[in-house]
Full PDB file with SEQRES, HELIX, SHEET, SSBOND, CRYST1, ORIGX, SCALE, CONECT and MASTER records, all heavy atoms in Angstrom:
SEQRES   1 A   43  LEU PHE MET THR ASP VAL GLN VAL ALA ALA ARG TYR SER          
SEQRES   2 A   43  LEU LYS SER ARG GLU ALA ILE TRP LYS TRP VAL ARG ASN          
SEQRES   3 A   43  GLY ALA PHE PRO LYS PRO ILE LYS LEU SER PRO GLY CYS          
SEQRES   4 A   43  THR ARG TRP LYS                                              
HELIX    1 AA1 ASP A    5  ARG A   11  1                                   7    
HELIX    2 AA2 GLU A   18  ARG A   25  1                                   8    
SHEET    1 AA1 2 ILE A  33  SER A  36  0                                        
SHEET    2 AA1 2 CYS A  39  ARG A  41 -1                                        
CRYST1    1.000    1.000    1.000  90.00  90.00  90.00 P 1           1          
ORIGX1      1.000000  0.000000  0.000000        0.00000                         
ORIGX2      0.000000  1.000000  0.000000        0.00000                         
ORIGX3      0.000000  0.000000  1.000000        0.00000                         
SCALE1      1.000000  0.000000  0.000000        0.00000                         
SCALE2      0.000000  1.000000  0.000000        0.00000                         
SCALE3      0.000000  0.000000  1.000000        0.00000                         
ATOM      1  N   LEU A   1      28.564  28.226   8.994  1.00  0.00           N  
ATOM      2  CA  LEU A   1      28.992  26.923   8.514  1.00  0.00           C  
ATOM      3  C   LEU A   1      27.767  26.067   8.229  1.00  0.00           C  
ATOM      4  O   LEU A   1      26.795  26.090   8.990  1.00  0.00           O  
ATOM      5  CB  LEU A   1      29.877  26.236   9.553  1.00  0.00           C  
ATOM      6  CG  LEU A   1      31.183  26.952   9.882  1.00  0.00           C  
ATOM      7  CD1 LEU A   1      31.920  26.204  10.984  1.00  0.00           C  
ATOM      8  CD2 LEU A   1      32.054  27.084   8.653  1.00  0.00           C  
ATOM      9  N   PHE A   2      27.819  25.345   7.132  1.00  0.00           N  
ATOM     10  CA  PHE A   2      26.717  24.482   6.727  1.00  0.00           C  
ATOM     11  C   PHE A   2      27.199  23.037   6.665  1.00  0.00           C  
ATOM     12  O   PHE A   2      28.364  22.776   6.386  1.00  0.00           O  
ATOM     13  CB  PHE A   2      26.183  24.899   5.354  1.00  0.00           C  
ATOM     14  CG  PHE A   2      25.509  26.234   5.354  1.00  0.00           C  
ATOM     15  CD1 PHE A   2      26.223  27.384   5.094  1.00  0.00           C  
ATOM     16  CD2 PHE A   2      24.160  26.342   5.625  1.00  0.00           C  
ATOM     17  CE1 PHE A   2      25.611  28.628   5.090  1.00  0.00           C  
ATOM     18  CE2 PHE A   2      23.532  27.581   5.633  1.00  0.00           C  
ATOM     19  CZ  PHE A   2      24.252  28.720   5.362  1.00  0.00           C  
ATOM     20  N   MET A   3      26.268  22.114   6.915  1.00  0.00           N  
ATOM     21  CA  MET A   3      26.602  20.688   6.897  1.00  0.00           C  
ATOM     22  C   MET A   3      25.673  19.946   5.947  1.00  0.00           C  
ATOM     23  O   MET A   3      24.490  20.254   5.853  1.00  0.00           O  
ATOM     24  CB  MET A   3      26.453  20.100   8.303  1.00  0.00           C  
ATOM     25  CG  MET A   3      27.406  20.701   9.318  1.00  0.00           C  
ATOM     26  SD  MET A   3      27.227  19.959  10.946  1.00  0.00           S  
ATOM     27  CE  MET A   3      27.945  18.351  10.655  1.00  0.00           C  
ATOM     28  N   THR A   4      26.227  18.933   5.273  1.00  0.00           N  
ATOM     29  CA  THR A   4      25.431  18.066   4.407  1.00  0.00           C  
ATOM     30  C   THR A   4      24.737  16.999   5.258  1.00  0.00           C  
ATOM     31  O   THR A   4      25.083  16.798   6.432  1.00  0.00           O  
ATOM     32  CB  THR A   4      26.322  17.352   3.377  1.00  0.00           C  
ATOM     33  OG1 THR A   4      27.185  16.449   4.070  1.00  0.00           O  
ATOM     34  CG2 THR A   4      27.129  18.345   2.551  1.00  0.00           C  
ATOM     35  N   ASP A   5      23.808  16.273   4.642  1.00  0.00           N  
ATOM     36  CA  ASP A   5      23.151  15.185   5.378  1.00  0.00           C  
ATOM     37  C   ASP A   5      24.153  14.090   5.746  1.00  0.00           C  
ATOM     38  O   ASP A   5      24.053  13.481   6.802  1.00  0.00           O  
ATOM     39  CB  ASP A   5      21.954  14.627   4.606  1.00  0.00           C  
ATOM     40  CG  ASP A   5      22.270  14.189   3.188  1.00  0.00           C  
ATOM     41  OD1 ASP A   5      23.432  14.313   2.743  1.00  0.00           O  
ATOM     42  OD2 ASP A   5      21.335  13.735   2.504  1.00  0.00           O  
ATOM     43  N   VAL A   6      25.152  13.869   4.915  1.00  0.00           N  
ATOM     44  CA  VAL A   6      26.191  12.875   5.221  1.00  0.00           C  
ATOM     45  C   VAL A   6      26.991  13.321   6.450  1.00  0.00           C  
ATOM     46  O   VAL A   6      27.272  12.518   7.350  1.00  0.00           O  
ATOM     47  CB  VAL A   6      27.116  12.660   3.997  1.00  0.00           C  
ATOM     48  CG1 VAL A   6      28.301  11.790   4.357  1.00  0.00           C  
ATOM     49  CG2 VAL A   6      26.338  12.061   2.842  1.00  0.00           C  
ATOM     50  N   GLN A   7      27.333  14.597   6.519  1.00  0.00           N  
ATOM     51  CA  GLN A   7      28.087  15.114   7.664  1.00  0.00           C  
ATOM     52  C   GLN A   7      27.254  15.064   8.942  1.00  0.00           C  
ATOM     53  O   GLN A   7      27.774  14.727  10.010  1.00  0.00           O  
ATOM     54  CB  GLN A   7      28.541  16.549   7.392  1.00  0.00           C  
ATOM     55  CG  GLN A   7      29.592  16.653   6.304  1.00  0.00           C  
ATOM     56  CD  GLN A   7      29.840  18.080   5.878  1.00  0.00           C  
ATOM     57  OE1 GLN A   7      28.926  18.894   5.762  1.00  0.00           O  
ATOM     58  NE2 GLN A   7      31.104  18.400   5.629  1.00  0.00           N  
ATOM     59  N   VAL A   8      25.972  15.387   8.823  1.00  0.00           N  
ATOM     60  CA  VAL A   8      25.095  15.353   9.997  1.00  0.00           C  
ATOM     61  C   VAL A   8      24.953  13.912  10.488  1.00  0.00           C  
ATOM     62  O   VAL A   8      25.034  13.646  11.690  1.00  0.00           O  
ATOM     63  CB  VAL A   8      23.715  15.978   9.696  1.00  0.00           C  
ATOM     64  CG1 VAL A   8      22.762  15.805  10.860  1.00  0.00           C  
ATOM     65  CG2 VAL A   8      23.869  17.464   9.360  1.00  0.00           C  
ATOM     66  N   ALA A   9      24.761  12.976   9.575  1.00  0.00           N  
ATOM     67  CA  ALA A   9      24.648  11.564   9.960  1.00  0.00           C  
ATOM     68  C   ALA A   9      25.928  11.099  10.659  1.00  0.00           C  
ATOM     69  O   ALA A   9      25.863  10.405  11.676  1.00  0.00           O  
ATOM     70  CB  ALA A   9      24.350  10.701   8.734  1.00  0.00           C  
ATOM     71  N   ALA A  10      27.076  11.501  10.143  1.00  0.00           N  
ATOM     72  CA  ALA A  10      28.352  11.117  10.765  1.00  0.00           C  
ATOM     73  C   ALA A  10      28.482  11.732  12.156  1.00  0.00           C  
ATOM     74  O   ALA A  10      29.019  11.096  13.071  1.00  0.00           O  
ATOM     75  CB  ALA A  10      29.515  11.554   9.877  1.00  0.00           C  
ATOM     76  N   ARG A  11      27.986  12.946  12.340  1.00  0.00           N  
ATOM     77  CA  ARG A  11      28.052  13.619  13.646  1.00  0.00           C  
ATOM     78  C   ARG A  11      27.359  12.799  14.731  1.00  0.00           C  
ATOM     79  O   ARG A  11      27.768  12.796  15.883  1.00  0.00           O  
ATOM     80  CB  ARG A  11      27.415  15.006  13.527  1.00  0.00           C  
ATOM     81  CG  ARG A  11      27.520  15.864  14.769  1.00  0.00           C  
ATOM     82  CD  ARG A  11      26.900  17.230  14.503  1.00  0.00           C  
ATOM     83  NE  ARG A  11      27.008  18.113  15.619  1.00  0.00           N  
ATOM     84  CZ  ARG A  11      27.934  19.056  15.772  1.00  0.00           C  
ATOM     85  NH1 ARG A  11      28.844  19.241  14.842  1.00  0.00           N  
ATOM     86  NH2 ARG A  11      27.953  19.822  16.843  1.00  0.00           N  
ATOM     87  N   TYR A  12      26.290  12.100  14.349  1.00  0.00           N  
ATOM     88  CA  TYR A  12      25.519  11.308  15.311  1.00  0.00           C  
ATOM     89  C   TYR A  12      25.767   9.810  15.148  1.00  0.00           C  
ATOM     90  O   TYR A  12      24.992   8.992  15.663  1.00  0.00           O  
ATOM     91  CB  TYR A  12      24.030  11.638  15.183  1.00  0.00           C  
ATOM     92  CG  TYR A  12      23.800  13.106  15.449  1.00  0.00           C  
ATOM     93  CD1 TYR A  12      23.444  13.973  14.422  1.00  0.00           C  
ATOM     94  CD2 TYR A  12      24.006  13.629  16.715  1.00  0.00           C  
ATOM     95  CE1 TYR A  12      23.282  15.327  14.659  1.00  0.00           C  
ATOM     96  CE2 TYR A  12      23.849  14.987  16.959  1.00  0.00           C  
ATOM     97  CZ  TYR A  12      23.482  15.823  15.922  1.00  0.00           C  
ATOM     98  OH  TYR A  12      23.330  17.168  16.158  1.00  0.00           O  
ATOM     99  N   SER A  13      26.818   9.445  14.433  1.00  0.00           N  
ATOM    100  CA  SER A  13      27.214   8.037  14.231  1.00  0.00           C  
ATOM    101  C   SER A  13      26.086   7.192  13.657  1.00  0.00           C  
ATOM    102  O   SER A  13      25.891   6.047  14.059  1.00  0.00           O  
ATOM    103  CB  SER A  13      27.705   7.433  15.550  1.00  0.00           C  
ATOM    104  OG  SER A  13      28.795   8.171  16.053  1.00  0.00           O  
ATOM    105  N   LEU A  14      25.347   7.774  12.722  1.00  0.00           N  
ATOM    106  CA  LEU A  14      24.262   7.045  12.062  1.00  0.00           C  
ATOM    107  C   LEU A  14      24.812   6.343  10.829  1.00  0.00           C  
ATOM    108  O   LEU A  14      25.676   6.865  10.141  1.00  0.00           O  
ATOM    109  CB  LEU A  14      23.144   8.013  11.666  1.00  0.00           C  
ATOM    110  CG  LEU A  14      22.508   8.778  12.831  1.00  0.00           C  
ATOM    111  CD1 LEU A  14      21.593   9.868  12.308  1.00  0.00           C  
ATOM    112  CD2 LEU A  14      21.758   7.838  13.738  1.00  0.00           C  
ATOM    113  N   LYS A  15      24.298   5.165  10.552  1.00  0.00           N  
ATOM    114  CA  LYS A  15      24.779   4.395   9.406  1.00  0.00           C  
ATOM    115  C   LYS A  15      24.238   4.928   8.088  1.00  0.00           C  
ATOM    116  O   LYS A  15      24.805   4.674   7.037  1.00  0.00           O  
ATOM    117  CB  LYS A  15      24.389   2.927   9.569  1.00  0.00           C  
ATOM    118  CG  LYS A  15      25.046   2.266  10.759  1.00  0.00           C  
ATOM    119  CD  LYS A  15      24.606   0.831  10.875  1.00  0.00           C  
ATOM    120  CE  LYS A  15      24.966   0.232  12.192  1.00  0.00           C  
ATOM    121  NZ  LYS A  15      26.227  -0.392  12.271  1.00  0.00           N  
ATOM    122  N   SER A  16      23.133   5.667   8.156  1.00  0.00           N  
ATOM    123  CA  SER A  16      22.493   6.137   6.932  1.00  0.00           C  
ATOM    124  C   SER A  16      22.061   7.589   7.068  1.00  0.00           C  
ATOM    125  O   SER A  16      21.562   7.992   8.118  1.00  0.00           O  
ATOM    126  CB  SER A  16      21.264   5.270   6.644  1.00  0.00           C  
ATOM    127  OG  SER A  16      20.461   5.869   5.668  1.00  0.00           O  
ATOM    128  N   ARG A  17      22.231   8.351   6.001  1.00  0.00           N  
ATOM    129  CA  ARG A  17      21.765   9.738   6.018  1.00  0.00           C  
ATOM    130  C   ARG A  17      20.244   9.797   6.006  1.00  0.00           C  
ATOM    131  O   ARG A  17      19.662  10.812   6.368  1.00  0.00           O  
ATOM    132  CB  ARG A  17      22.376  10.510   4.857  1.00  0.00           C  
ATOM    133  CG  ARG A  17      21.988   9.988   3.514  1.00  0.00           C  
ATOM    134  CD  ARG A  17      22.803  10.651   2.425  1.00  0.00           C  
ATOM    135  NE  ARG A  17      22.373  10.168   1.134  1.00  0.00           N  
ATOM    136  CZ  ARG A  17      22.024  10.956   0.139  1.00  0.00           C  
ATOM    137  NH1 ARG A  17      22.089  12.246   0.263  1.00  0.00           N  
ATOM    138  NH2 ARG A  17      21.643  10.445  -0.999  1.00  0.00           N  
ATOM    139  N   GLU A  18      19.591   8.709   5.598  1.00  0.00           N  
ATOM    140  CA  GLU A  18      18.125   8.676   5.581  1.00  0.00           C  
ATOM    141  C   GLU A  18      17.556   8.874   6.986  1.00  0.00           C  
ATOM    142  O   GLU A  18      16.465   9.418   7.143  1.00  0.00           O  
ATOM    143  CB  GLU A  18      17.630   7.358   4.980  1.00  0.00           C  
ATOM    144  CG  GLU A  18      16.123   7.227   4.914  1.00  0.00           C  
ATOM    145  CD  GLU A  18      15.418   8.363   4.161  1.00  0.00           C  
ATOM    146  OE1 GLU A  18      15.962   8.888   3.177  1.00  0.00           O  
ATOM    147  OE2 GLU A  18      14.301   8.727   4.585  1.00  0.00           O  
ATOM    148  N   ALA A  19      18.278   8.465   8.007  1.00  0.00           N  
ATOM    149  CA  ALA A  19      17.817   8.637   9.390  1.00  0.00           C  
ATOM    150  C   ALA A  19      17.612  10.122   9.718  1.00  0.00           C  
ATOM    151  O   ALA A  19      16.649  10.485  10.393  1.00  0.00           O  
ATOM    152  CB  ALA A  19      18.793   8.010  10.363  1.00  0.00           C  
ATOM    153  N   ILE A  20      18.513  10.970   9.223  1.00  0.00           N  
ATOM    154  CA  ILE A  20      18.376  12.413   9.464  1.00  0.00           C  
ATOM    155  C   ILE A  20      17.101  12.929   8.817  1.00  0.00           C  
ATOM    156  O   ILE A  20      16.351  13.700   9.417  1.00  0.00           O  
ATOM    157  CB  ILE A  20      19.609  13.176   8.906  1.00  0.00           C  
ATOM    158  CG1 ILE A  20      20.865  12.789   9.678  1.00  0.00           C  
ATOM    159  CG2 ILE A  20      19.386  14.685   8.936  1.00  0.00           C  
ATOM    160  CD1 ILE A  20      20.855  13.139  11.142  1.00  0.00           C  
ATOM    161  N   TRP A  21      16.853  12.498   7.581  1.00  0.00           N  
ATOM    162  CA  TRP A  21      15.638  12.953   6.881  1.00  0.00           C  
ATOM    163  C   TRP A  21      14.382  12.448   7.590  1.00  0.00           C  
ATOM    164  O   TRP A  21      13.374  13.148   7.642  1.00  0.00           O  
ATOM    165  CB  TRP A  21      15.678  12.504   5.418  1.00  0.00           C  
ATOM    166  CG  TRP A  21      16.731  13.233   4.663  1.00  0.00           C  
ATOM    167  CD1 TRP A  21      17.950  12.763   4.265  1.00  0.00           C  
ATOM    168  CD2 TRP A  21      16.696  14.605   4.267  1.00  0.00           C  
ATOM    169  NE1 TRP A  21      18.666  13.745   3.643  1.00  0.00           N  
ATOM    170  CE2 TRP A  21      17.920  14.892   3.624  1.00  0.00           C  
ATOM    171  CE3 TRP A  21      15.758  15.626   4.394  1.00  0.00           C  
ATOM    172  CZ2 TRP A  21      18.218  16.146   3.102  1.00  0.00           C  
ATOM    173  CZ3 TRP A  21      16.055  16.874   3.877  1.00  0.00           C  
ATOM    174  CH2 TRP A  21      17.267  17.125   3.237  1.00  0.00           C  
ATOM    175  N   LYS A  22      14.446  11.267   8.172  1.00  0.00           N  
ATOM    176  CA  LYS A  22      13.314  10.732   8.936  1.00  0.00           C  
ATOM    177  C   LYS A  22      13.067  11.599  10.178  1.00  0.00           C  
ATOM    178  O   LYS A  22      11.933  11.915  10.501  1.00  0.00           O  
ATOM    179  CB  LYS A  22      13.607   9.285   9.333  1.00  0.00           C  
ATOM    180  CG  LYS A  22      12.448   8.566   9.950  1.00  0.00           C  
ATOM    181  CD  LYS A  22      12.800   7.101  10.187  1.00  0.00           C  
ATOM    182  CE  LYS A  22      11.640   6.329  10.734  1.00  0.00           C  
ATOM    183  NZ  LYS A  22      11.975   4.918  10.957  1.00  0.00           N  
ATOM    184  N   TRP A  23      14.155  11.997  10.861  1.00  0.00           N  
ATOM    185  CA  TRP A  23      14.021  12.883  12.027  1.00  0.00           C  
ATOM    186  C   TRP A  23      13.357  14.196  11.620  1.00  0.00           C  
ATOM    187  O   TRP A  23      12.495  14.703  12.332  1.00  0.00           O  
ATOM    188  CB  TRP A  23      15.386  13.188  12.627  1.00  0.00           C  
ATOM    189  CG  TRP A  23      16.075  12.045  13.317  1.00  0.00           C  
ATOM    190  CD1 TRP A  23      15.613  10.768  13.479  1.00  0.00           C  
ATOM    191  CD2 TRP A  23      17.360  12.081  13.930  1.00  0.00           C  
ATOM    192  NE1 TRP A  23      16.539  10.014  14.151  1.00  0.00           N  
ATOM    193  CE2 TRP A  23      17.618  10.790  14.449  1.00  0.00           C  
ATOM    194  CE3 TRP A  23      18.323  13.063  14.086  1.00  0.00           C  
ATOM    195  CZ2 TRP A  23      18.793  10.475  15.110  1.00  0.00           C  
ATOM    196  CZ3 TRP A  23      19.500  12.750  14.750  1.00  0.00           C  
ATOM    197  CH2 TRP A  23      19.727  11.464  15.259  1.00  0.00           C  
ATOM    198  N   VAL A  24      13.768  14.740  10.460  1.00  0.00           N  
ATOM    199  CA  VAL A  24      13.188  16.008   9.986  1.00  0.00           C  
ATOM    200  C   VAL A  24      11.700  15.827   9.708  1.00  0.00           C  
ATOM    201  O   VAL A  24      10.874  16.641  10.127  1.00  0.00           O  
ATOM    202  CB  VAL A  24      13.928  16.517   8.723  1.00  0.00           C  
ATOM    203  CG1 VAL A  24      13.187  17.686   8.092  1.00  0.00           C  
ATOM    204  CG2 VAL A  24      15.356  16.907   9.062  1.00  0.00           C  
ATOM    205  N   ARG A  25      11.333  14.755   9.003  1.00  0.00           N  
ATOM    206  CA  ARG A  25       9.914  14.491   8.691  1.00  0.00           C  
ATOM    207  C   ARG A  25       9.076  14.342   9.960  1.00  0.00           C  
ATOM    208  O   ARG A  25       7.918  14.733   9.986  1.00  0.00           O  
ATOM    209  CB  ARG A  25       9.785  13.233   7.833  1.00  0.00           C  
ATOM    210  CG  ARG A  25      10.170  13.431   6.388  1.00  0.00           C  
ATOM    211  CD  ARG A  25       9.745  12.257   5.510  1.00  0.00           C  
ATOM    212  NE  ARG A  25      10.309  10.992   5.930  1.00  0.00           N  
ATOM    213  CZ  ARG A  25      11.485  10.501   5.560  1.00  0.00           C  
ATOM    214  NH1 ARG A  25      12.259  11.191   4.739  1.00  0.00           N  
ATOM    215  NH2 ARG A  25      11.899   9.327   5.984  1.00  0.00           N  
ATOM    216  N   ASN A  26       9.664  13.761  11.006  1.00  0.00           N  
ATOM    217  CA  ASN A  26       8.949  13.552  12.271  1.00  0.00           C  
ATOM    218  C   ASN A  26       8.977  14.779  13.173  1.00  0.00           C  
ATOM    219  O   ASN A  26       8.449  14.739  14.285  1.00  0.00           O  
ATOM    220  CB  ASN A  26       9.527  12.351  13.018  1.00  0.00           C  
ATOM    221  CG  ASN A  26       9.276  11.045  12.300  1.00  0.00           C  
ATOM    222  OD1 ASN A  26       8.347  10.928  11.514  1.00  0.00           O  
ATOM    223  ND2 ASN A  26      10.111  10.059  12.541  1.00  0.00           N  
ATOM    224  N   GLY A  27       9.631  15.853  12.733  1.00  0.00           N  
ATOM    225  CA  GLY A  27       9.718  17.070  13.537  1.00  0.00           C  
ATOM    226  C   GLY A  27      10.690  16.963  14.697  1.00  0.00           C  
ATOM    227  O   GLY A  27      10.648  17.771  15.621  1.00  0.00           O  
ATOM    228  N   ALA A  28      11.587  15.971  14.647  1.00  0.00           N  
ATOM    229  CA  ALA A  28      12.514  15.734  15.750  1.00  0.00           C  
ATOM    230  C   ALA A  28      13.888  16.359  15.522  1.00  0.00           C  
ATOM    231  O   ALA A  28      14.779  16.192  16.351  1.00  0.00           O  
ATOM    232  CB  ALA A  28      12.666  14.226  15.967  1.00  0.00           C  
ATOM    233  N   PHE A  29      14.058  17.065  14.399  1.00  0.00           N  
ATOM    234  CA  PHE A  29      15.361  17.648  14.070  1.00  0.00           C  
ATOM    235  C   PHE A  29      15.119  18.913  13.260  1.00  0.00           C  
ATOM    236  O   PHE A  29      14.123  18.999  12.532  1.00  0.00           O  
ATOM    237  CB  PHE A  29      16.189  16.635  13.248  1.00  0.00           C  
ATOM    238  CG  PHE A  29      17.645  16.959  13.171  1.00  0.00           C  
ATOM    239  CD1 PHE A  29      18.467  16.795  14.274  1.00  0.00           C  
ATOM    240  CD2 PHE A  29      18.208  17.438  11.997  1.00  0.00           C  
ATOM    241  CE1 PHE A  29      19.824  17.096  14.203  1.00  0.00           C  
ATOM    242  CE2 PHE A  29      19.549  17.733  11.917  1.00  0.00           C  
ATOM    243  CZ  PHE A  29      20.365  17.552  13.030  1.00  0.00           C  
ATOM    244  N   PRO A  30      16.003  19.900  13.373  1.00  0.00           N  
ATOM    245  CA  PRO A  30      15.811  21.146  12.622  1.00  0.00           C  
ATOM    246  C   PRO A  30      15.705  20.898  11.113  1.00  0.00           C  
ATOM    247  O   PRO A  30      16.368  20.001  10.575  1.00  0.00           O  
ATOM    248  CB  PRO A  30      17.074  21.959  12.929  1.00  0.00           C  
ATOM    249  CG  PRO A  30      17.605  21.386  14.194  1.00  0.00           C  
ATOM    250  CD  PRO A  30      17.215  19.939  14.199  1.00  0.00           C  
ATOM    251  N   LYS A  31      14.881  21.698  10.468  1.00  0.00           N  
ATOM    252  CA  LYS A  31      14.739  21.588   9.020  1.00  0.00           C  
ATOM    253  C   LYS A  31      15.959  22.196   8.335  1.00  0.00           C  
ATOM    254  O   LYS A  31      16.509  23.184   8.794  1.00  0.00           O  
ATOM    255  CB  LYS A  31      13.484  22.327   8.554  1.00  0.00           C  
ATOM    256  CG  LYS A  31      12.216  21.651   8.983  1.00  0.00           C  
ATOM    257  CD  LYS A  31      11.004  22.369   8.429  1.00  0.00           C  
ATOM    258  CE  LYS A  31       9.751  21.639   8.847  1.00  0.00           C  
ATOM    259  NZ  LYS A  31       8.550  22.257   8.330  1.00  0.00           N  
ATOM    260  N   PRO A  32      16.356  21.588   7.224  1.00  0.00           N  
ATOM    261  CA  PRO A  32      17.490  22.131   6.478  1.00  0.00           C  
ATOM    262  C   PRO A  32      17.067  23.343   5.650  1.00  0.00           C  
ATOM    263  O   PRO A  32      15.880  23.652   5.540  1.00  0.00           O  
ATOM    264  CB  PRO A  32      17.894  20.969   5.578  1.00  0.00           C  
ATOM    265  CG  PRO A  32      16.610  20.241   5.334  1.00  0.00           C  
ATOM    266  CD  PRO A  32      15.839  20.364   6.625  1.00  0.00           C  
ATOM    267  N   ILE A  33      18.055  23.984   5.066  1.00  0.00           N  
ATOM    268  CA  ILE A  33      17.833  25.148   4.215  1.00  0.00           C  
ATOM    269  C   ILE A  33      18.214  24.771   2.793  1.00  0.00           C  
ATOM    270  O   ILE A  33      19.286  24.185   2.568  1.00  0.00           O  
ATOM    271  CB  ILE A  33      18.705  26.329   4.690  1.00  0.00           C  
ATOM    272  CG1 ILE A  33      18.287  26.732   6.093  1.00  0.00           C  
ATOM    273  CG2 ILE A  33      18.616  27.501   3.734  1.00  0.00           C  
ATOM    274  CD1 ILE A  33      19.265  27.666   6.763  1.00  0.00           C  
ATOM    275  N   LYS A  34      17.353  25.096   1.846  1.00  0.00           N  
ATOM    276  CA  LYS A  34      17.660  24.835   0.440  1.00  0.00           C  
ATOM    277  C   LYS A  34      18.447  26.027  -0.090  1.00  0.00           C  
ATOM    278  O   LYS A  34      17.910  27.119  -0.230  1.00  0.00           O  
ATOM    279  CB  LYS A  34      16.376  24.625  -0.346  1.00  0.00           C  
ATOM    280  CG  LYS A  34      16.608  24.112  -1.740  1.00  0.00           C  
ATOM    281  CD  LYS A  34      15.306  23.598  -2.313  1.00  0.00           C  
ATOM    282  CE  LYS A  34      15.532  22.765  -3.535  1.00  0.00           C  
ATOM    283  NZ  LYS A  34      15.898  21.399  -3.281  1.00  0.00           N  
ATOM    284  N   LEU A  35      19.721  25.827  -0.345  1.00  0.00           N  
ATOM    285  CA  LEU A  35      20.586  26.899  -0.823  1.00  0.00           C  
ATOM    286  C   LEU A  35      20.434  27.115  -2.320  1.00  0.00           C  
ATOM    287  O   LEU A  35      20.566  28.242  -2.806  1.00  0.00           O  
ATOM    288  CB  LEU A  35      22.042  26.609  -0.474  1.00  0.00           C  
ATOM    289  CG  LEU A  35      22.355  26.503   1.019  1.00  0.00           C  
ATOM    290  CD1 LEU A  35      23.812  26.127   1.234  1.00  0.00           C  
ATOM    291  CD2 LEU A  35      22.031  27.802   1.725  1.00  0.00           C  
ATOM    292  N   SER A  36      20.183  26.037  -3.045  1.00  0.00           N  
ATOM    293  CA  SER A  36      19.962  26.100  -4.490  1.00  0.00           C  
ATOM    294  C   SER A  36      19.349  24.760  -4.891  1.00  0.00           C  
ATOM    295  O   SER A  36      19.308  23.839  -4.084  1.00  0.00           O  
ATOM    296  CB  SER A  36      21.278  26.347  -5.226  1.00  0.00           C  
ATOM    297  OG  SER A  36      22.137  25.246  -5.085  1.00  0.00           O  
ATOM    298  N   PRO A  37      18.877  24.651  -6.136  1.00  0.00           N  
ATOM    299  CA  PRO A  37      18.341  23.337  -6.546  1.00  0.00           C  
ATOM    300  C   PRO A  37      19.394  22.244  -6.351  1.00  0.00           C  
ATOM    301  O   PRO A  37      20.537  22.387  -6.786  1.00  0.00           O  
ATOM    302  CB  PRO A  37      18.022  23.546  -8.027  1.00  0.00           C  
ATOM    303  CG  PRO A  37      17.799  25.013  -8.164  1.00  0.00           C  
ATOM    304  CD  PRO A  37      18.765  25.645  -7.179  1.00  0.00           C  
ATOM    305  N   GLY A  38      19.028  21.207  -5.654  1.00  0.00           N  
ATOM    306  CA  GLY A  38      19.948  20.103  -5.409  1.00  0.00           C  
ATOM    307  C   GLY A  38      20.970  20.342  -4.319  1.00  0.00           C  
ATOM    308  O   GLY A  38      21.872  19.531  -4.132  1.00  0.00           O  
ATOM    309  N   CYS A  39      20.842  21.444  -3.586  1.00  0.00           N  
ATOM    310  CA  CYS A  39      21.803  21.762  -2.522  1.00  0.00           C  
ATOM    311  C   CYS A  39      21.051  22.149  -1.244  1.00  0.00           C  
ATOM    312  O   CYS A  39      20.605  23.283  -1.106  1.00  0.00           O  
ATOM    313  CB  CYS A  39      22.720  22.893  -2.963  1.00  0.00           C  
ATOM    314  SG  CYS A  39      23.979  23.288  -1.739  1.00  0.00           S  
ATOM    315  N   THR A  40      20.888  21.177  -0.368  1.00  0.00           N  
ATOM    316  CA  THR A  40      20.198  21.384   0.901  1.00  0.00           C  
ATOM    317  C   THR A  40      21.190  21.164   2.022  1.00  0.00           C  
ATOM    318  O   THR A  40      21.911  20.165   2.030  1.00  0.00           O  
ATOM    319  CB  THR A  40      19.018  20.399   1.033  1.00  0.00           C  
ATOM    320  OG1 THR A  40      18.151  20.582  -0.093  1.00  0.00           O  
ATOM    321  CG2 THR A  40      18.230  20.638   2.304  1.00  0.00           C  
ATOM    322  N   ARG A  41      21.234  22.103   2.969  1.00  0.00           N  
ATOM    323  CA  ARG A  41      22.210  22.024   4.051  1.00  0.00           C  
ATOM    324  C   ARG A  41      21.568  22.451   5.377  1.00  0.00           C  
ATOM    325  O   ARG A  41      20.566  23.144   5.409  1.00  0.00           O  
ATOM    326  CB  ARG A  41      23.405  22.952   3.783  1.00  0.00           C  
ATOM    327  CG  ARG A  41      24.155  22.673   2.494  1.00  0.00           C  
ATOM    328  CD  ARG A  41      24.952  21.389   2.604  1.00  0.00           C  
ATOM    329  NE  ARG A  41      25.806  21.176   1.449  1.00  0.00           N  
ATOM    330  CZ  ARG A  41      25.467  20.458   0.378  1.00  0.00           C  
ATOM    331  NH1 ARG A  41      24.278  19.913   0.297  1.00  0.00           N  
ATOM    332  NH2 ARG A  41      26.314  20.294  -0.615  1.00  0.00           N  
ATOM    333  N   TRP A  42      22.223  22.038   6.460  1.00  0.00           N  
ATOM    334  CA  TRP A  42      21.837  22.468   7.799  1.00  0.00           C  
ATOM    335  C   TRP A  42      22.844  23.487   8.283  1.00  0.00           C  
ATOM    336  O   TRP A  42      24.047  23.320   8.061  1.00  0.00           O  
ATOM    337  CB  TRP A  42      21.835  21.286   8.768  1.00  0.00           C  
ATOM    338  CG  TRP A  42      20.639  20.418   8.658  1.00  0.00           C  
ATOM    339  CD1 TRP A  42      19.516  20.487   9.438  1.00  0.00           C  
ATOM    340  CD2 TRP A  42      20.426  19.334   7.761  1.00  0.00           C  
ATOM    341  NE1 TRP A  42      18.624  19.518   9.049  1.00  0.00           N  
ATOM    342  CE2 TRP A  42      19.161  18.798   8.015  1.00  0.00           C  
ATOM    343  CE3 TRP A  42      21.191  18.768   6.734  1.00  0.00           C  
ATOM    344  CZ2 TRP A  42      18.639  17.732   7.311  1.00  0.00           C  
ATOM    345  CZ3 TRP A  42      20.668  17.717   6.021  1.00  0.00           C  
ATOM    346  CH2 TRP A  42      19.408  17.201   6.313  1.00  0.00           C  
ATOM    347  N   LYS A  43      22.363  24.501   8.981  1.00  0.00           N  
ATOM    348  CA  LYS A  43      23.261  25.457   9.619  1.00  0.00           C  
ATOM    349  C   LYS A  43      23.832  24.798  10.863  1.00  0.00           C  
ATOM    350  O   LYS A  43      23.080  24.280  11.701  1.00  0.00           O  
ATOM    351  CB  LYS A  43      22.514  26.725  10.045  1.00  0.00           C  
ATOM    352  CG  LYS A  43      22.184  27.660   8.937  1.00  0.00           C  
ATOM    353  CD  LYS A  43      21.552  28.912   9.521  1.00  0.00           C  
ATOM    354  CE  LYS A  43      21.278  29.935   8.457  1.00  0.00           C  
ATOM    355  NZ  LYS A  43      20.732  31.173   9.052  1.00  0.00           N  
TER     356      LYS A  43                                                      
MASTER        0    0    0    2    2    0    0    6  355    1    0    4          
END                                                                             
């Protein structure tokens, strides 16, 4: 099962999906997988 950044943000009750990307940049969250151009998901 894969999750979008919107779904991941909702899982942690974050107001913005940008918070997830900030966690990834800071090394505080698993990196997503690029499934295709324009399609990045987390397992």
